[in-house]
Protein backbone atom coordinates (compact mmCIF):
# COMPACT_ATOMS: atom_id res chain seq x y z
CA PRO A 1 13.75 -7.72 80.01
CA PRO A 2 11.07 -10.31 79.76
CA LYS A 3 12.64 -12.25 82.96
CA ALA A 4 12.49 -8.92 85.25
CA ALA A 5 8.94 -9.77 86.41
CA VAL A 6 10.26 -13.38 87.12
CA VAL A 7 13.23 -12.27 89.08
CA ALA A 8 11.21 -9.63 90.58
CA LEU A 9 8.87 -12.14 92.07
CA ARG A 10 11.35 -14.16 92.94
CA VAL A 11 13.30 -11.69 95.02
CA CYS A 12 10.07 -10.43 96.33
CA ALA A 13 9.23 -13.60 97.74
CA VAL A 14 12.53 -14.02 99.65
CA LEU A 15 11.85 -10.71 101.29
CA LEU A 16 8.22 -11.52 102.08
CA SER A 17 8.80 -14.73 103.55
CA LYS A 18 10.80 -13.13 106.43
CA PRO A 19 9.68 -11.24 109.40
CA ARG A 20 9.33 -7.64 108.88
CA GLN A 21 12.04 -6.10 110.72
CA ARG A 22 15.34 -4.42 109.11
CA THR A 23 17.44 -6.98 107.26
CA SER A 24 20.85 -8.35 108.99
CA ILE A 25 23.77 -7.40 106.58
CA SER A 26 24.12 -11.33 106.60
CA GLU A 27 20.43 -11.44 104.95
CA SER A 28 21.32 -8.78 102.45
CA ARG A 29 24.38 -10.98 101.35
CA THR A 30 22.58 -14.00 101.40
CA ILE A 31 19.43 -12.49 99.13
CA HIS A 32 22.10 -10.80 97.00
CA SER A 33 23.77 -14.37 96.57
CA GLU A 34 20.85 -15.97 95.38
CA PHE A 35 19.82 -12.66 93.15
CA GLU A 36 23.06 -13.38 91.20
CA LYS A 37 22.33 -17.19 90.93
CA MET A 38 18.92 -16.00 88.84
CA MET A 39 21.04 -13.58 86.93
CA PRO A 40 22.72 -14.69 83.80
CA LEU A 41 26.77 -15.16 84.41
CA PRO A 42 28.30 -11.77 83.16
CA ASP A 43 30.61 -13.93 80.54
CA ARG A 44 27.84 -16.18 79.02
CA PRO A 45 27.39 -14.84 75.29
CA ARG A 46 23.43 -14.00 74.67
CA LYS A 47 21.99 -11.30 72.31
CA SER A 48 21.50 -7.68 74.02
CA SER A 49 17.87 -7.17 75.02
CA SER A 50 17.99 -3.99 73.76
CA SER A 51 17.57 -5.20 70.10
CA LEU A 52 15.59 -7.52 68.66
CA LEU A 53 16.57 -8.87 65.22
CA GLY A 54 19.09 -6.94 65.02
CA LYS A 55 16.83 -3.70 64.71
CA PRO A 56 17.51 -1.17 67.39
CA LEU A 57 14.28 -0.18 69.84
CA PRO A 58 12.59 3.16 70.84
CA SER A 59 14.94 5.23 72.83
CA VAL A 60 12.10 5.50 75.23
CA LEU A 61 13.37 1.53 76.25
CA MET A 62 16.36 1.37 78.68
CA PRO A 63 19.08 -1.82 77.76
CA GLY A 64 17.80 -4.79 79.29
CA LYS A 65 20.74 -5.40 82.24
CA ILE A 66 20.41 -1.92 83.01
CA TYR A 67 17.02 -1.73 83.02
CA LEU A 68 16.58 -4.89 85.16
CA MET A 69 19.14 -3.84 87.64
CA ALA A 70 17.23 -0.26 88.17
CA HIS A 71 14.07 -1.46 88.90
CA VAL A 72 15.16 -4.76 91.12
CA SER A 73 17.57 -2.06 93.24
CA ALA A 74 14.57 -0.16 93.64
CA ILE A 75 12.49 -2.78 95.19
CA LEU A 76 15.19 -3.80 97.74
CA VAL A 77 16.13 -0.25 98.73
CA CYS A 78 12.08 0.14 99.21
CA TRP A 79 12.08 -3.39 101.61
CA MET A 80 15.08 -3.20 103.20
CA PHE A 81 15.56 0.23 103.80
CA LEU A 82 12.46 2.43 103.85
CA GLU A 83 10.63 -0.72 105.56
CA SER A 84 7.37 -0.21 103.45
CA SER A 85 6.21 -3.70 101.85
CA GLY A 86 3.54 -2.01 100.22
CA LEU A 87 5.46 0.68 98.53
CA ALA A 88 7.55 -2.30 97.30
CA CYS A 89 4.91 -4.28 95.79
CA LEU A 90 3.70 -1.10 94.09
CA TYR A 91 6.74 -0.34 92.74
CA LEU A 92 7.06 -4.09 91.31
CA LEU A 93 3.45 -3.82 89.89
CA VAL A 94 4.88 -0.54 87.98
CA MET A 95 8.09 -2.77 87.11
CA VAL A 96 5.75 -5.59 85.71
CA VAL A 97 3.75 -2.82 83.60
CA ASP A 98 6.71 -1.15 82.51
CA VAL A 99 8.06 -4.39 81.13
CA LEU A 100 5.40 -5.84 79.34
CA SER A 101 4.56 -2.51 77.81
CA GLY A 102 8.00 -2.48 76.55
CA ALA A 103 7.91 -5.62 75.01
CA VAL A 104 4.71 -5.06 73.40
CA ALA A 105 5.32 -1.54 72.06
CA LYS A 106 9.05 -3.00 70.77
CA ASN A 107 6.84 -6.03 69.13
CA ILE A 108 4.58 -3.16 67.06
CA LEU A 109 7.17 -0.54 66.03
CA HIS A 110 9.65 -3.32 65.44
CA PRO A 111 7.93 -6.84 64.23
CA PRO A 112 9.74 -9.71 64.56
CA PHE A 113 8.93 -10.90 61.17
CA LEU A 114 10.44 -7.35 59.55
CA ARG A 115 13.63 -8.04 57.18
CA THR A 116 15.47 -5.61 55.58
CA THR A 117 18.24 -6.02 53.04
CA THR A 118 20.06 -3.76 50.29
CA PRO A 119 18.99 -3.61 46.83
CA GLU A 120 21.92 -6.03 45.65
CA GLU A 121 20.90 -8.80 48.05
CA GLY A 122 17.52 -8.47 47.03
CA LEU A 123 14.67 -9.27 49.31
CA HIS A 124 15.09 -11.93 51.55
CA GLN A 125 14.06 -15.13 51.16
CA ASP A 126 13.46 -16.61 54.79
CA ARG A 127 10.43 -18.82 54.65
CA ALA A 128 10.55 -18.74 58.77
CA MET A 129 9.81 -14.72 58.05
CA ILE A 130 7.28 -14.71 55.18
CA CYS A 131 3.69 -14.89 55.50
CA PRO A 132 3.23 -18.40 55.24
CA TYR A 133 -0.11 -17.75 52.46
CA TRP A 134 2.25 -16.33 49.97
CA PRO A 135 2.71 -18.93 46.88
CA GLU A 136 6.36 -19.79 46.43
CA GLU A 137 6.11 -18.18 43.29
CA SER A 138 5.25 -14.35 44.66
CA ILE A 139 8.00 -15.12 47.34
CA LEU A 140 10.55 -15.53 44.73
CA GLY A 141 9.29 -12.76 42.76
CA PRO A 142 7.83 -11.30 39.66
CA ALA A 143 10.00 -13.12 37.11
CA ALA A 144 9.25 -16.71 38.71
CA MET A 145 5.56 -15.97 37.83
CA GLY A 146 6.13 -14.69 34.41
CA ILE A 147 5.05 -11.59 35.02
CA ASP A 148 7.06 -8.50 33.22
CA PHE A 149 8.19 -5.75 35.40
CA LYS A 150 10.82 -3.19 36.21
CA ASP A 151 12.74 -2.10 39.07
CA VAL A 152 11.80 1.58 39.95
CA GLU A 153 13.59 3.77 42.71
CA ILE A 154 12.02 6.97 44.01
CA CYS A 155 13.63 9.09 46.58
CA THR A 156 11.50 11.10 48.87
CA PRO A 157 12.08 14.53 50.93
CA SER A 158 13.21 12.75 53.87
CA GLY A 159 16.40 11.49 51.94
CA CYS A 160 15.06 7.55 51.67
CA THR A 161 15.32 5.97 48.34
CA LEU A 162 12.16 3.83 48.13
CA HIS A 163 12.22 0.57 45.64
CA GLY A 164 9.64 -1.10 43.77
CA TRP A 165 8.65 -2.50 41.01
CA MET A 166 6.63 -1.64 37.67
CA ILE A 167 4.18 -4.25 36.23
CA PRO A 168 2.51 -2.73 33.14
CA ALA A 169 -1.22 -3.82 31.90
CA LYS A 170 -1.34 -7.35 29.32
CA ASN A 171 -0.47 -6.62 25.91
CA GLY A 172 -4.07 -6.02 24.37
CA SER A 173 -5.68 -4.94 27.64
CA SER A 174 -4.34 -1.33 28.13
CA ASN A 175 -7.78 -0.06 28.28
CA ARG A 176 -7.07 1.56 31.55
CA ASN A 177 -5.58 4.82 32.26
CA THR A 178 -5.01 4.38 35.80
CA ILE A 179 -2.26 2.87 37.68
CA LEU A 180 -2.60 1.15 40.89
CA ILE A 181 -0.10 2.16 43.40
CA MET A 182 -0.18 -0.54 45.63
CA SER A 183 1.77 -0.49 49.64
CA HIS A 184 1.94 -3.25 52.22
CA GLY A 185 1.33 -3.56 55.37
CA ALA A 186 4.10 -3.13 58.80
CA GLY A 187 7.22 -5.89 58.84
CA ARG A 188 6.12 -6.91 55.09
CA ASP A 189 7.44 -6.02 51.91
CA ARG A 190 6.36 -5.29 48.15
CA ARG A 191 5.88 -8.91 47.72
CA ALA A 192 2.08 -8.98 49.93
CA TRP A 193 0.19 -7.79 46.70
CA LEU A 194 2.42 -10.03 44.40
CA ARG A 195 -0.35 -12.89 44.28
CA HIS A 196 -3.09 -10.10 43.27
CA CYS A 197 -0.92 -8.71 40.30
CA PRO A 198 -2.49 -11.16 37.13
CA PHE A 199 -6.24 -10.50 37.63
CA LEU A 200 -5.36 -7.02 37.80
CA ILE A 201 -2.88 -6.69 34.64
CA GLU A 202 -5.16 -9.09 32.76
CA ALA A 203 -8.25 -6.44 33.52
CA GLY A 204 -6.22 -3.28 32.22
CA TYR A 205 -4.41 -1.86 35.36
CA SER A 206 -0.81 -1.05 35.58
CA CYS A 207 0.79 -1.94 39.00
CA LEU A 208 3.38 -0.28 41.05
CA MET A 209 4.23 -1.54 44.21
CA PHE A 210 7.32 -0.56 46.22
CA ASP A 211 8.65 -1.15 49.72
CA PHE A 212 7.89 1.52 52.36
CA ARG A 213 11.25 3.13 54.61
CA ASN A 214 12.79 0.60 56.56
CA HIS A 215 11.20 -2.05 54.58
CA GLY A 216 11.86 -4.48 51.95
CA THR A 217 15.38 -3.22 50.01
CA SER A 218 14.11 0.46 50.94
CA GLY A 219 16.59 3.10 52.57
CA SER A 220 16.50 3.64 56.28
CA PHE A 221 15.00 6.24 58.51
CA SER A 222 15.06 7.43 62.18
CA THR A 223 15.30 4.27 64.34
CA GLY A 224 13.84 1.73 62.14
CA GLY A 225 10.85 -0.24 61.92
CA THR A 226 7.49 1.08 61.14
CA PHE A 227 5.71 4.33 62.11
CA LEU A 228 2.03 3.04 61.23
CA GLY A 229 1.42 5.27 58.96
CA TRP A 230 2.94 8.50 60.64
CA ALA A 231 5.79 8.60 57.77
CA GLU A 232 4.38 6.19 55.77
CA TRP A 233 1.96 8.44 54.27
CA GLU A 234 4.97 10.76 53.30
CA ASP A 235 6.52 7.45 50.61
CA MET A 236 2.68 7.45 49.34
CA THR A 237 2.96 11.08 48.19
CA SER A 238 6.29 10.59 47.10
CA VAL A 239 5.47 7.53 44.72
CA ALA A 240 2.16 9.40 43.55
CA LYS A 241 4.63 12.31 42.49
CA TRP A 242 6.70 10.03 40.72
CA VAL A 243 3.89 8.59 38.60
CA LYS A 244 2.47 11.76 38.08
CA GLY A 245 5.80 13.07 36.64
CA ASN A 246 6.37 10.01 34.33
CA PHE A 247 3.14 9.18 33.43
CA PRO A 248 1.71 12.67 32.90
CA ALA A 249 -1.34 10.87 30.99
CA MET A 250 -2.03 8.28 33.64
CA LYS A 251 -4.23 8.59 36.98
CA ALA A 252 -3.52 6.73 39.79
CA ALA A 253 -5.60 4.61 42.38
CA PHE A 254 -4.43 3.78 45.95
CA VAL A 255 -4.20 0.20 47.05
CA GLY A 256 -3.25 -0.72 50.54
CA THR A 257 -3.75 -3.28 53.13
CA SER A 258 -3.47 -2.42 57.16
CA THR A 259 -0.51 -0.13 57.33
CA GLY A 260 -0.61 0.91 53.64
CA ALA A 261 -4.17 1.15 53.95
CA VAL A 262 -4.06 3.79 57.16
CA SER A 263 -0.91 5.79 54.80
CA SER A 264 -3.30 6.15 51.74
CA VAL A 265 -5.98 7.78 53.92
CA ILE A 266 -3.84 9.98 55.78
CA ALA A 267 -1.85 11.13 52.53
CA VAL A 268 -4.73 12.02 51.06
CA ALA A 269 -6.33 13.57 53.47
CA LYS A 270 -2.88 15.43 53.73
CA GLU A 271 -2.31 16.55 50.47
CA PRO A 272 -4.96 18.30 48.50
CA TRP A 273 -3.58 17.64 45.26
CA LEU A 274 -4.12 14.03 45.64
CA GLY A 275 -7.81 14.43 46.19
CA GLU A 276 -7.68 15.73 42.37
CA TYR A 277 -5.07 13.08 41.17
CA VAL A 278 -5.97 9.89 43.08
CA GLN A 279 -9.36 8.39 41.37
CA CYS A 280 -9.83 6.32 44.18
CA ILE A 281 -8.52 4.01 47.42
CA VAL A 282 -8.91 0.40 47.96
CA ALA A 283 -8.87 -0.31 51.83
CA GLU A 284 -8.00 -3.47 53.43
CA ASN A 285 -8.30 -3.72 57.01
CA PRO A 286 -7.08 -0.43 57.91
CA PHE A 287 -7.04 0.94 61.33
CA THR A 288 -8.75 3.80 63.19
CA SER A 289 -5.70 4.90 65.14
CA THR A 290 -2.50 3.56 66.70
CA SER A 291 -4.55 4.01 70.08
CA ALA A 292 -7.07 2.00 69.30
CA LEU A 293 -4.50 -0.59 67.42
CA THR A 294 -2.80 -0.81 70.65
CA ASP A 295 -5.80 -1.15 73.09
CA PHE A 296 -6.80 -4.33 70.70
CA VAL A 297 -3.34 -6.11 70.64
CA VAL A 298 -2.65 -5.46 74.58
CA SER A 299 -5.89 -7.04 75.20
CA ASN A 300 -6.61 -9.98 72.54
CA VAL A 301 -3.54 -10.78 71.34
CA GLY A 302 -1.31 -10.45 74.34
CA PHE A 303 -3.65 -10.66 77.36
CA LYS A 304 -6.30 -13.02 76.03
CA THR A 305 -4.52 -15.29 73.57
CA MET A 306 -0.98 -15.46 74.62
CA LEU A 307 -1.20 -15.10 78.59
CA CYS A 308 -4.99 -16.31 79.60
CA LYS A 309 -4.62 -19.00 76.91
CA GLY A 310 -8.52 -17.76 76.30
CA ASN A 311 -9.54 -18.09 79.93
CA LEU A 312 -12.14 -15.56 80.17
CA LEU A 313 -12.41 -15.98 83.80
CA PHE A 314 -8.81 -14.99 84.19
CA TYR A 315 -8.68 -12.88 81.45
CA SER A 316 -11.72 -10.93 83.80
CA LEU A 317 -9.26 -11.08 86.64
CA LEU A 318 -6.51 -9.64 84.74
CA TYR A 319 -8.34 -7.10 83.24
CA PRO A 320 -6.98 -4.07 85.58
CA LEU A 321 -3.77 -4.77 84.81
CA CYS A 322 -4.26 -5.24 81.07
CA ARG A 323 -5.39 -1.89 80.79
CA LEU A 324 -2.60 -0.53 83.09
CA VAL A 325 0.19 -2.10 80.41
CA SER A 326 -2.12 -0.58 77.32
CA LEU A 327 -2.05 2.80 78.56
CA ALA A 328 1.79 2.85 79.26
CA THR A 329 2.25 1.02 75.79
CA ARG A 330 0.45 3.45 74.00
CA CYS A 331 2.23 6.54 76.02
CA LYS A 332 5.75 4.10 74.66
CA ILE A 333 4.64 4.38 71.07
CA SER A 334 3.03 7.63 71.10
CA VAL A 335 6.84 9.16 72.43
CA ALA A 336 8.46 6.93 69.91
CA LEU A 337 6.45 8.13 66.69
CA ARG A 338 6.38 11.78 67.84
CA ARG A 339 10.53 11.80 68.77
CA ALA A 340 10.83 10.17 64.83
CA ILE A 341 8.08 12.08 63.16
CA PRO A 342 7.80 16.08 65.22
CA GLU A 343 4.92 16.89 63.03
CA THR A 344 1.39 16.63 63.30
CA VAL A 345 -0.07 13.63 61.59
CA PRO A 346 -4.49 12.70 61.73
CA SER A 347 -5.14 9.03 62.77
CA CYS A 348 -6.94 7.19 59.74
CA LEU A 349 -10.61 7.86 61.61
CA GLU A 350 -9.82 11.85 61.38
CA GLY A 351 -8.36 11.64 58.00
CA ALA A 352 -10.86 9.79 56.87
CA GLU A 353 -13.47 12.72 57.01
CA LYS A 354 -11.54 14.98 54.94
CA VAL A 355 -11.00 12.71 51.80
CA ASN A 356 -13.06 13.80 49.24
CA ILE A 357 -12.68 10.33 46.77
CA PRO A 358 -14.44 7.15 46.88
CA ILE A 359 -13.06 4.26 49.36
CA LEU A 360 -13.62 0.53 49.23
CA PHE A 361 -13.33 -0.40 53.15
CA MET A 362 -12.77 -4.58 53.05
CA HIS A 363 -12.16 -6.66 56.69
CA GLY A 364 -12.23 -10.33 57.67
CA THR A 365 -14.72 -11.08 60.37
CA ALA A 366 -11.94 -13.41 61.95
CA ASP A 367 -8.90 -10.50 61.77
CA ARG A 368 -6.67 -11.19 65.07
CA ILE A 369 -4.73 -8.13 64.60
CA VAL A 370 -7.31 -5.19 63.43
CA PRO A 371 -11.20 -6.16 64.22
CA HIS A 372 -13.37 -5.25 61.51
CA THR A 373 -15.30 -2.64 63.30
CA HIS A 374 -12.25 -0.74 62.70
CA SER A 375 -13.06 -0.39 59.03
CA GLU A 376 -16.98 -0.05 59.94
CA ALA A 377 -16.19 2.87 62.29
CA ILE A 378 -14.26 4.87 59.23
CA ALA A 379 -16.96 4.31 56.88
CA ALA A 380 -19.50 5.74 59.51
CA LYS A 381 -17.09 8.77 60.01
CA ILE A 382 -17.38 9.36 56.42
CA GLN A 383 -21.07 8.84 56.20
CA SER A 384 -21.59 11.61 59.06
CA ALA A 385 -19.21 13.52 56.55
CA ALA A 386 -21.10 13.55 54.13
CA ARG A 387 -24.32 14.48 55.94
CA SER A 388 -22.69 17.33 57.83
CA CYS A 389 -21.16 18.83 53.63
CA PRO A 390 -23.98 17.88 51.64
CA ARG A 391 -21.92 19.71 48.34
CA HIS A 392 -19.02 16.76 48.73
CA ALA A 393 -21.43 13.83 49.07
CA PRO A 394 -21.61 12.71 45.80
CA GLN A 395 -17.44 12.48 46.36
CA ARG A 396 -17.27 10.64 49.72
CA GLN A 397 -19.01 7.67 48.06
CA HIS A 398 -17.71 4.59 50.07
CA GLU A 399 -18.12 0.74 49.69
CA THR A 400 -17.78 -1.81 52.64
CA TRP A 401 -17.04 -5.61 52.25
CA ILE A 402 -17.28 -7.79 55.55
CA CYS A 403 -15.98 -10.69 54.64
CA GLN A 404 -17.15 -13.91 56.48
CA GLY A 405 -13.90 -15.60 57.91
CA GLY A 406 -11.35 -13.59 56.19
CA LYS A 407 -8.02 -13.24 58.11
CA HIS A 408 -5.92 -10.39 58.61
CA CYS A 409 -4.37 -9.37 54.62
CA GLU A 410 -6.06 -12.77 53.48
CA LEU A 411 -9.28 -11.94 52.33
CA TRP A 412 -8.39 -12.82 48.45
CA ASP A 413 -6.57 -16.11 50.08
CA HIS A 414 -10.08 -16.79 51.63
CA SER A 415 -12.77 -15.53 49.01
CA ARG A 416 -10.99 -15.19 45.45
CA GLN A 417 -13.62 -14.73 43.13
CA GLU A 418 -15.74 -12.26 45.54
CA PHE A 419 -12.65 -9.73 46.71
CA GLU A 420 -11.53 -10.20 42.58
CA THR A 421 -15.11 -9.18 41.69
CA ARG A 422 -15.49 -6.58 44.19
CA VAL A 423 -12.15 -4.53 43.64
CA LEU A 424 -12.15 -4.76 39.82
CA GLY A 425 -16.07 -3.81 40.11
CA PHE A 426 -14.98 -0.62 42.17
CA LEU A 427 -12.08 0.32 40.41
CA ASP A 428 -13.77 0.23 37.05
CA LYS A 429 -16.75 2.52 38.51
CA HIS A 430 -14.50 5.07 39.57
CA CYS A 431 -11.13 5.20 37.30
CA ALA A 432 -11.80 6.76 33.81
CA SER A 433 -11.08 4.11 30.56
CA GLU A 434 -8.75 5.79 27.94
CA SER A 435 -6.85 3.42 25.57
CA GLY A 436 -3.04 3.21 25.35
CA LEU A 437 -0.26 3.48 27.62
CA PRO A 438 2.02 6.25 27.44
CA GLN A 439 5.62 5.24 27.16
CA VAL A 440 7.82 6.06 30.41
CA ARG A 441 9.97 9.31 29.83
CA SER A 442 13.56 8.80 29.42
CA ALA A 443 14.08 10.92 32.62
CA ALA A 444 12.40 7.99 34.65
CA ARG A 445 14.80 6.66 37.04
CA ILE A 446 13.69 3.04 36.34
CA ILE A 447 16.03 -0.02 35.15
CA THR A 448 14.88 -3.00 32.97
CA VAL A 449 15.38 -6.41 34.73
CA GLY A 450 15.58 -9.33 32.48
CA SER A 451 13.49 -12.11 32.60
CA GLY A 452 15.52 -14.58 34.23
CA THR A 453 16.18 -12.31 37.16
CA CYS A 454 15.00 -10.96 40.09
CA SER A 455 16.65 -8.42 42.47
């Protein structure tokens, strides 16, 4: 599909170079022979364009060869048989929009750095697909960092098995009664929060990190990939139920980044019991909605950065095309999500006004994936809801930290001291303290892992 626009433009250039008259049979054969030269040879081994890194595309996308031939054939029919150059150009525009929007939708729902493995294989160690700012020891796992942990398995109502690590607070510092349920962003895995763990367990907080469905070593669901919070909120709910069932004397707090932050807010908004059980939410760079995220990715990442290379004049000329691609991408993502998740799921912006627990929003001004205005918009929505319902105003406390120069999911790496001060101050303020960490009940599916191995 990425070559479809180039091929179509070349074919149309050949057609437009001829006088406007009915194309003869010999000319048609010449055009088709030139077209065949531009197409890959049938026996040439190449990766199917209907998949990306082994992951199936959403069902709204067609296989690459069928997709290309159908559109180009339609353009040829419009020009040669209907004698309509305007209709052919219009169809070419539709084809280009469809190709670009399909590529963007594919990369959003199936990030190119997403790698899944089995529990026996363990988390992948492909450095090319791992965040460059993750420390080497955190890539290897908690054992390499000298952190005690236990493997956990949690089943969800949809049949997926989630895998994670239960990391207890350091001995002598277990003066909290709260377990932090930590969730990663789209395409990553539980290691996203591992480098933050030392200062949290030193402060007396136990941490439960897990892989969302279709991520890490957790089970697969539907077409694979991420659902941008539409399905991941159920994972948050299942993990919270597991913690509540196995640690009845403990409370919980949600700590999430990107899609994990959005899933945390949606889970509390959809499940009223979580509003009483979860003490607070720490949300790093959340996005208001999938539509807003798509618009920004198409305009800023796709057109302004990749296609126009920062040239604002070129970008302004392509802006109408950018809006068409953005609209088509939103439609394709919405169709793919609704086919996998038929139920209605609120956006983070819509769910935030229903959340009656404190939230700490953290965002960086150099975030090129989700701009910091998303966190500001969600915080403003909560403030507006608090004014309209004064009875819940005390519970709807929120704090917003905009980190100057911070990038997506890299706030701790950019401003470590301020990050730790703000997070610990927020957790200490809203999480009750009790001495003693209860023992794990025997019914819990927890497997102790040796200090020298990490699965």
